[in-house]
Amino acid sequence: MTIRFLLPLAALGLTTALAGPAAAEKIANKVAVFTGLDKITGRTIDFDVYVDETVRFGMLRVTPKVCYSRPATEAAETDGFVEVEEITLDNEVKRIFSGWMFAASPGLNAVEHPVYDVWLIGCHMDSDIPPPVAGSAEVRVAVSNQIGGGPGNVDDGAPVVLTFVGGIPIPPDKPVMPSMLMEDAPADLPADAPPAEAGAEGQILD
């Protein structure tokens, strides 16, 4: 009879032990931190987004619904439920992602887009970026978190708005480089020197 009473108690203890770590309390943060990648320019930017706020990165709109982390006494684990929308060429908004992102495994449930990529890298309780105004429908542009960049700095990794031709993104203009095929005329030639004569194609000149 003693064994019959001990078995249920042992099973209860085992269940409690197994459920303990799984039931570890999650910390619901107010700010989600993302990395955005412009695949055309190769430029990346880390930016903060408040929970339930929508921020524009390139032609994407990112809205975190929750952002969870774990206490310092638990194994590091950060995840969040995120919605990502695309602004189409017709200026329409189309949902392209809605699901959980995991900071430790950004490729596990990734956003699929030919030009831009965005993934969750962390959660915080506060941010240097002012929180959104309650009731405001304004969508702000992502601003770099990197110290020294600052809002509005064109070199801070801000996304570049691309021009599309026939649905194909056109890379931004690159700086003009000096041609290596043509050399400037020597500066020591006299002003009245006759121009050099070119031989006919294929002709051997003496």
C-alpha atoms as a PDB file:
ATOM      1  CA  MET A   1       0.000   0.000   0.000  1.00  0.00           C
ATOM      2  CA  THR A   2       2.889   2.330   0.717  1.00  0.00           C
ATOM      3  CA  ILE A   3       4.176   1.947  -2.841  1.00  0.00           C
ATOM      4  CA  ARG A   4       0.734   2.771  -4.224  1.00  0.00           C
ATOM      5  CA  PHE A   5       0.783   6.117  -2.390  1.00  0.00           C
ATOM      6  CA  LEU A   6       4.406   6.938  -3.240  1.00  0.00           C
ATOM      7  CA  LEU A   7       4.058   6.456  -6.995  1.00  0.00           C
ATOM      8  CA  PRO A   8       1.545   9.308  -7.512  1.00  0.00           C
ATOM      9  CA  LEU A   9       3.690  11.626  -5.348  1.00  0.00           C
ATOM     10  CA  ALA A  10       6.803  10.751  -7.339  1.00  0.00           C
ATOM     11  CA  ALA A  11       4.997  11.376 -10.630  1.00  0.00           C
ATOM     12  CA  LEU A  12       3.755  14.743  -9.328  1.00  0.00           C
ATOM     13  CA  GLY A  13       7.268  15.740  -8.295  1.00  0.00           C
ATOM     14  CA  LEU A  14       8.674  14.750 -11.683  1.00  0.00           C
ATOM     15  CA  THR A  15       5.995  16.766 -13.500  1.00  0.00           C
ATOM     16  CA  THR A  16       6.711  19.830 -11.362  1.00  0.00           C
ATOM     17  CA  ALA A  17      10.444  19.547 -11.987  1.00  0.00           C
ATOM     18  CA  LEU A  18       9.946  19.303 -15.733  1.00  0.00           C
ATOM     19  CA  ALA A  19       7.482  22.177 -15.834  1.00  0.00           C
ATOM     20  CA  GLY A  20       9.674  24.466 -13.729  1.00  0.00           C
ATOM     21  CA  PRO A  21      12.165  25.669 -16.373  1.00  0.00           C
ATOM     22  CA  ALA A  22       9.509  25.743 -19.093  1.00  0.00           C
ATOM     23  CA  ALA A  23       7.335  27.983 -16.934  1.00  0.00           C
ATOM     24  CA  ALA A  24      10.121  30.525 -16.419  1.00  0.00           C
ATOM     25  CA  GLU A  25       8.670  34.014 -16.452  1.00  0.00           C
ATOM     26  CA  LYS A  26       9.037  36.003 -19.644  1.00  0.00           C
ATOM     27  CA  ILE A  27       9.825  39.709 -19.509  1.00  0.00           C
ATOM     28  CA  ALA A  28       7.531  41.741 -21.758  1.00  0.00           C
ATOM     29  CA  ASN A  29       9.653  44.622 -23.056  1.00  0.00           C
ATOM     30  CA  LYS A  30       8.497  47.950 -24.483  1.00  0.00           C
ATOM     31  CA  VAL A  31      11.068  48.220 -27.301  1.00  0.00           C
ATOM     32  CA  ALA A  32      12.188  45.772 -29.982  1.00  0.00           C
ATOM     33  CA  VAL A  33      15.577  46.162 -31.661  1.00  0.00           C
ATOM     34  CA  PHE A  34      15.974  45.191 -35.317  1.00  0.00           C
ATOM     35  CA  THR A  35      18.726  45.029 -37.901  1.00  0.00           C
ATOM     36  CA  GLY A  36      17.748  46.055 -41.413  1.00  0.00           C
ATOM     37  CA  LEU A  37      19.723  45.226 -44.550  1.00  0.00           C
ATOM     38  CA  ASP A  38      19.530  46.950 -47.916  1.00  0.00           C
ATOM     39  CA  LYS A  39      20.637  44.198 -50.302  1.00  0.00           C
ATOM     40  CA  ILE A  40      21.312  46.612 -53.158  1.00  0.00           C
ATOM     41  CA  THR A  41      23.684  48.961 -51.340  1.00  0.00           C
ATOM     42  CA  GLY A  42      24.869  46.433 -48.720  1.00  0.00           C
ATOM     43  CA  ARG A  43      24.090  48.959 -45.989  1.00  0.00           C
ATOM     44  CA  THR A  44      22.842  47.806 -42.567  1.00  0.00           C
ATOM     45  CA  ILE A  45      21.183  49.715 -39.750  1.00  0.00           C
ATOM     46  CA  ASP A  46      20.153  48.813 -36.183  1.00  0.00           C
ATOM     47  CA  PHE A  47      16.970  50.588 -35.098  1.00  0.00           C
ATOM     48  CA  ASP A  48      14.495  50.620 -32.213  1.00  0.00           C
ATOM     49  CA  VAL A  49      10.740  50.168 -32.575  1.00  0.00           C
ATOM     50  CA  TYR A  50       8.284  50.472 -29.707  1.00  0.00           C
ATOM     51  CA  VAL A  51       5.786  47.637 -29.292  1.00  0.00           C
ATOM     52  CA  ASP A  52       2.694  48.362 -31.424  1.00  0.00           C
ATOM     53  CA  GLU A  53       4.557  51.150 -33.252  1.00  0.00           C
ATOM     54  CA  THR A  54       5.090  50.986 -37.026  1.00  0.00           C
ATOM     55  CA  VAL A  55       8.453  52.107 -38.428  1.00  0.00           C
ATOM     56  CA  ARG A  56       9.432  52.309 -42.083  1.00  0.00           C
ATOM     57  CA  PHE A  57      12.681  50.751 -43.263  1.00  0.00           C
ATOM     58  CA  GLY A  58      13.134  51.263 -46.970  1.00  0.00           C
ATOM     59  CA  MET A  59       9.947  49.966 -48.549  1.00  0.00           C
ATOM     60  CA  LEU A  60       9.075  47.843 -45.497  1.00  0.00           C
ATOM     61  CA  ARG A  61       6.897  48.718 -42.501  1.00  0.00           C
ATOM     62  CA  VAL A  62       7.854  46.885 -39.282  1.00  0.00           C
ATOM     63  CA  THR A  63       5.455  46.502 -36.330  1.00  0.00           C
ATOM     64  CA  PRO A  64       6.416  44.439 -33.258  1.00  0.00           C
ATOM     65  CA  LYS A  65       3.414  43.217 -31.257  1.00  0.00           C
ATOM     66  CA  VAL A  66       5.381  41.706 -28.341  1.00  0.00           C
ATOM     67  CA  CYS A  67       9.073  41.393 -27.480  1.00  0.00           C
ATOM     68  CA  TYR A  68      10.055  38.872 -24.811  1.00  0.00           C
ATOM     69  CA  SER A  69      13.338  38.330 -23.007  1.00  0.00           C
ATOM     70  CA  ARG A  70      14.266  36.192 -19.988  1.00  0.00           C
ATOM     71  CA  PRO A  71      15.567  37.044 -16.506  1.00  0.00           C
ATOM     72  CA  ALA A  72      19.326  37.233 -16.057  1.00  0.00           C
ATOM     73  CA  THR A  73      19.198  33.984 -14.057  1.00  0.00           C
ATOM     74  CA  GLU A  74      17.770  32.102 -17.052  1.00  0.00           C
ATOM     75  CA  ALA A  75      19.339  31.149 -20.365  1.00  0.00           C
ATOM     76  CA  ALA A  76      19.370  34.092 -22.787  1.00  0.00           C
ATOM     77  CA  GLU A  77      16.408  33.876 -25.133  1.00  0.00           C
ATOM     78  CA  THR A  78      14.776  36.728 -27.029  1.00  0.00           C
ATOM     79  CA  ASP A  79      11.777  36.426 -29.294  1.00  0.00           C
ATOM     80  CA  GLY A  80       9.011  38.611 -30.570  1.00  0.00           C
ATOM     81  CA  PHE A  81       5.871  38.512 -32.660  1.00  0.00           C
ATOM     82  CA  VAL A  82       6.356  40.842 -35.617  1.00  0.00           C
ATOM     83  CA  GLU A  83       4.312  42.012 -38.567  1.00  0.00           C
ATOM     84  CA  VAL A  84       6.077  43.240 -41.717  1.00  0.00           C
ATOM     85  CA  GLU A  85       4.347  44.985 -44.604  1.00  0.00           C
ATOM     86  CA  GLU A  86       5.630  46.024 -48.022  1.00  0.00           C
ATOM     87  CA  ILE A  87       4.827  49.304 -49.753  1.00  0.00           C
ATOM     88  CA  THR A  88       4.274  48.265 -53.372  1.00  0.00           C
ATOM     89  CA  LEU A  89       5.027  50.246 -56.538  1.00  0.00           C
ATOM     90  CA  ASP A  90       1.350  51.218 -56.602  1.00  0.00           C
ATOM     91  CA  ASN A  91       1.775  52.720 -53.107  1.00  0.00           C
ATOM     92  CA  GLU A  92      -0.326  49.962 -51.597  1.00  0.00           C
ATOM     93  CA  VAL A  93       0.494  48.228 -48.306  1.00  0.00           C
ATOM     94  CA  LYS A  94       0.740  44.430 -48.449  1.00  0.00           C
ATOM     95  CA  ARG A  95       1.428  42.088 -45.507  1.00  0.00           C
ATOM     96  CA  ILE A  96       4.431  39.853 -46.301  1.00  0.00           C
ATOM     97  CA  PHE A  97       5.260  38.484 -42.830  1.00  0.00           C
ATOM     98  CA  SER A  98       3.410  37.799 -39.601  1.00  0.00           C
ATOM     99  CA  GLY A  99       5.000  35.506 -37.047  1.00  0.00           C
ATOM    100  CA  TRP A 100       7.628  34.924 -34.384  1.00  0.00           C
ATOM    101  CA  MET A 101      11.211  36.074 -34.808  1.00  0.00           C
ATOM    102  CA  PHE A 102      14.018  34.591 -32.716  1.00  0.00           C
ATOM    103  CA  ALA A 103      17.114  36.691 -32.041  1.00  0.00           C
ATOM    104  CA  ALA A 104      19.308  33.610 -31.624  1.00  0.00           C
ATOM    105  CA  SER A 105      18.138  32.132 -34.951  1.00  0.00           C
ATOM    106  CA  PRO A 106      17.348  34.946 -37.406  1.00  0.00           C
ATOM    107  CA  GLY A 107      17.109  32.540 -40.336  1.00  0.00           C
ATOM    108  CA  LEU A 108      14.580  30.255 -38.657  1.00  0.00           C
ATOM    109  CA  ASN A 109      11.553  32.360 -39.595  1.00  0.00           C
ATOM    110  CA  ALA A 110      12.883  35.067 -41.906  1.00  0.00           C
ATOM    111  CA  VAL A 111      11.288  37.834 -43.957  1.00  0.00           C
ATOM    112  CA  GLU A 112      11.445  37.090 -47.673  1.00  0.00           C
ATOM    113  CA  HIS A 113      11.954  40.186 -49.821  1.00  0.00           C
ATOM    114  CA  PRO A 114      14.178  40.718 -52.899  1.00  0.00           C
ATOM    115  CA  VAL A 115      15.593  44.092 -51.778  1.00  0.00           C
ATOM    116  CA  TYR A 116      15.330  44.382 -47.994  1.00  0.00           C
ATOM    117  CA  ASP A 117      15.852  42.097 -45.024  1.00  0.00           C
ATOM    118  CA  VAL A 118      15.002  42.721 -41.373  1.00  0.00           C
ATOM    119  CA  TRP A 119      15.385  40.593 -38.259  1.00  0.00           C
ATOM    120  CA  LEU A 120      15.039  40.875 -34.469  1.00  0.00           C
ATOM    121  CA  ILE A 121      18.241  41.228 -32.433  1.00  0.00           C
ATOM    122  CA  GLY A 122      17.063  42.265 -28.958  1.00  0.00           C
ATOM    123  CA  CYS A 123      14.524  43.777 -26.588  1.00  0.00           C
ATOM    124  CA  HIS A 124      14.734  46.752 -24.212  1.00  0.00           C
ATOM    125  CA  MET A 125      12.564  48.549 -21.699  1.00  0.00           C
ATOM    126  CA  ASP A 126      13.489  52.006 -22.997  1.00  0.00           C
ATOM    127  CA  SER A 127      15.076  53.792 -25.955  1.00  0.00           C
ATOM    128  CA  ASP A 128      16.739  57.076 -26.827  1.00  0.00           C
ATOM    129  CA  ILE A 129      14.079  57.438 -29.524  1.00  0.00           C
ATOM    130  CA  PRO A 130      10.984  59.286 -28.207  1.00  0.00           C
ATOM    131  CA  PRO A 131       7.925  57.046 -27.901  1.00  0.00           C
ATOM    132  CA  PRO A 132       5.122  57.487 -30.420  1.00  0.00           C
ATOM    133  CA  VAL A 133       2.345  59.938 -29.634  1.00  0.00           C
ATOM    134  CA  ALA A 134      -0.828  58.160 -28.531  1.00  0.00           C
ATOM    135  CA  GLY A 135      -3.413  58.098 -31.297  1.00  0.00           C
ATOM    136  CA  SER A 136      -0.968  59.279 -33.976  1.00  0.00           C
ATOM    137  CA  ALA A 137      -1.044  57.445 -37.311  1.00  0.00           C
ATOM    138  CA  GLU A 138       2.319  58.863 -38.432  1.00  0.00           C
ATOM    139  CA  VAL A 139       4.882  56.279 -39.543  1.00  0.00           C
ATOM    140  CA  ARG A 140       8.431  57.392 -38.803  1.00  0.00           C
ATOM    141  CA  VAL A 141      11.515  56.330 -40.734  1.00  0.00           C
ATOM    142  CA  ALA A 142      14.021  54.037 -39.025  1.00  0.00           C
ATOM    143  CA  VAL A 143      16.889  55.910 -37.344  1.00  0.00           C
ATOM    144  CA  SER A 144      20.248  54.321 -36.579  1.00  0.00           C
ATOM    145  CA  ASN A 145      21.057  53.423 -32.977  1.00  0.00           C
ATOM    146  CA  GLN A 146      24.769  53.817 -33.605  1.00  0.00           C
ATOM    147  CA  ILE A 147      26.393  56.485 -31.475  1.00  0.00           C
ATOM    148  CA  GLY A 148      27.605  59.425 -33.522  1.00  0.00           C
ATOM    149  CA  GLY A 149      25.199  58.890 -36.398  1.00  0.00           C
ATOM    150  CA  GLY A 150      22.199  60.702 -35.025  1.00  0.00           C
ATOM    151  CA  PRO A 151      18.783  61.260 -36.560  1.00  0.00           C
ATOM    152  CA  GLY A 152      18.866  62.797 -39.991  1.00  0.00           C
ATOM    153  CA  ASN A 153      22.517  62.003 -40.689  1.00  0.00           C
ATOM    154  CA  VAL A 154      22.763  60.731 -44.257  1.00  0.00           C
ATOM    155  CA  ASP A 155      25.737  58.572 -43.289  1.00  0.00           C
ATOM    156  CA  ASP A 156      24.072  56.839 -40.365  1.00  0.00           C
ATOM    157  CA  GLY A 157      22.852  53.851 -42.364  1.00  0.00           C
ATOM    158  CA  ALA A 158      19.413  55.229 -43.207  1.00  0.00           C
ATOM    159  CA  PRO A 159      17.677  53.166 -45.894  1.00  0.00           C
ATOM    160  CA  VAL A 160      17.859  54.408 -49.474  1.00  0.00           C
ATOM    161  CA  VAL A 161      14.634  54.791 -51.438  1.00  0.00           C
ATOM    162  CA  LEU A 162      15.270  53.099 -54.775  1.00  0.00           C
ATOM    163  CA  THR A 163      13.915  53.791 -58.239  1.00  0.00           C
ATOM    164  CA  PHE A 164      12.196  50.865 -59.960  1.00  0.00           C
ATOM    165  CA  VAL A 165      12.053  50.324 -63.735  1.00  0.00           C
ATOM    166  CA  GLY A 166       9.826  47.510 -64.890  1.00  0.00           C
ATOM    167  CA  GLY A 167       9.735  46.153 -61.336  1.00  0.00           C
ATOM    168  CA  ILE A 168      13.547  45.957 -61.126  1.00  0.00           C
ATOM    169  CA  PRO A 169      15.334  48.085 -58.485  1.00  0.00           C
ATOM    170  CA  ILE A 170      17.959  50.443 -59.900  1.00  0.00           C
ATOM    171  CA  PRO A 171      21.052  50.899 -57.687  1.00  0.00           C
ATOM    172  CA  PRO A 172      21.914  54.473 -56.678  1.00  0.00           C
ATOM    173  CA  ASP A 173      24.478  56.334 -58.760  1.00  0.00           C
ATOM    174  CA  LYS A 174      28.094  55.639 -57.888  1.00  0.00           C
ATOM    175  CA  PRO A 175      30.747  58.355 -57.709  1.00  0.00           C
ATOM    176  CA  VAL A 176      32.338  59.099 -61.080  1.00  0.00           C
ATOM    177  CA  MET A 177      35.830  57.634 -61.263  1.00  0.00           C
ATOM    178  CA  PRO A 178      38.558  59.006 -63.585  1.00  0.00           C
ATOM    179  CA  SER A 179      38.899  57.015 -66.788  1.00  0.00           C
ATOM    180  CA  MET A 180      41.977  54.822 -66.982  1.00  0.00           C
ATOM    181  CA  LEU A 181      41.729  54.515 -70.785  1.00  0.00           C
ATOM    182  CA  MET A 182      42.509  58.120 -71.728  1.00  0.00           C
ATOM    183  CA  GLU A 183      45.402  60.175 -70.517  1.00  0.00           C
ATOM    184  CA  ASP A 184      45.658  63.932 -70.489  1.00  0.00           C
ATOM    185  CA  ALA A 185      47.849  65.496 -73.208  1.00  0.00           C
ATOM    186  CA  PRO A 186      51.363  66.421 -72.064  1.00  0.00           C
ATOM    187  CA  ALA A 187      51.442  69.921 -70.653  1.00  0.00           C
ATOM    188  CA  ASP A 188      54.859  70.806 -72.209  1.00  0.00           C
ATOM    189  CA  LEU A 189      53.706  70.765 -75.860  1.00  0.00           C
ATOM    190  CA  PRO A 190      53.849  74.163 -77.601  1.00  0.00           C
ATOM    191  CA  ALA A 191      50.576  75.829 -78.326  1.00  0.00           C
ATOM    192  CA  ASP A 192      51.213  75.829 -82.123  1.00  0.00           C
ATOM    193  CA  ALA A 193      52.206  72.156 -82.344  1.00  0.00           C
ATOM    194  CA  PRO A 194      50.291  70.349 -85.122  1.00  0.00           C
ATOM    195  CA  PRO A 195      47.918  67.590 -84.038  1.00  0.00           C
ATOM    196  CA  ALA A 196      49.205  64.034 -84.261  1.00  0.00           C
ATOM    197  CA  GLU A 197      48.108  62.194 -87.368  1.00  0.00           C
ATOM    198  CA  ALA A 198      46.497  58.836 -86.966  1.00  0.00           C
ATOM    199  CA  GLY A 199      47.281  56.070 -89.427  1.00  0.00           C
ATOM    200  CA  ALA A 200      44.602  54.144 -91.206  1.00  0.00           C
ATOM    201  CA  GLU A 201      43.355  51.063 -89.461  1.00  0.00           C
ATOM    202  CA  GLY A 202      45.632  48.113 -90.251  1.00  0.00           C
ATOM    203  CA  GLN A 203      48.257  50.315 -91.995  1.00  0.00           C
ATOM    204  CA  ILE A 204      51.913  50.098 -91.015  1.00  0.00           C
ATOM    205  CA  LEU A 205      53.514  53.521 -90.766  1.00  0.00           C
ATOM    206  CA  ASP A 206      57.248  54.126 -91.301  1.00  0.00           C
END
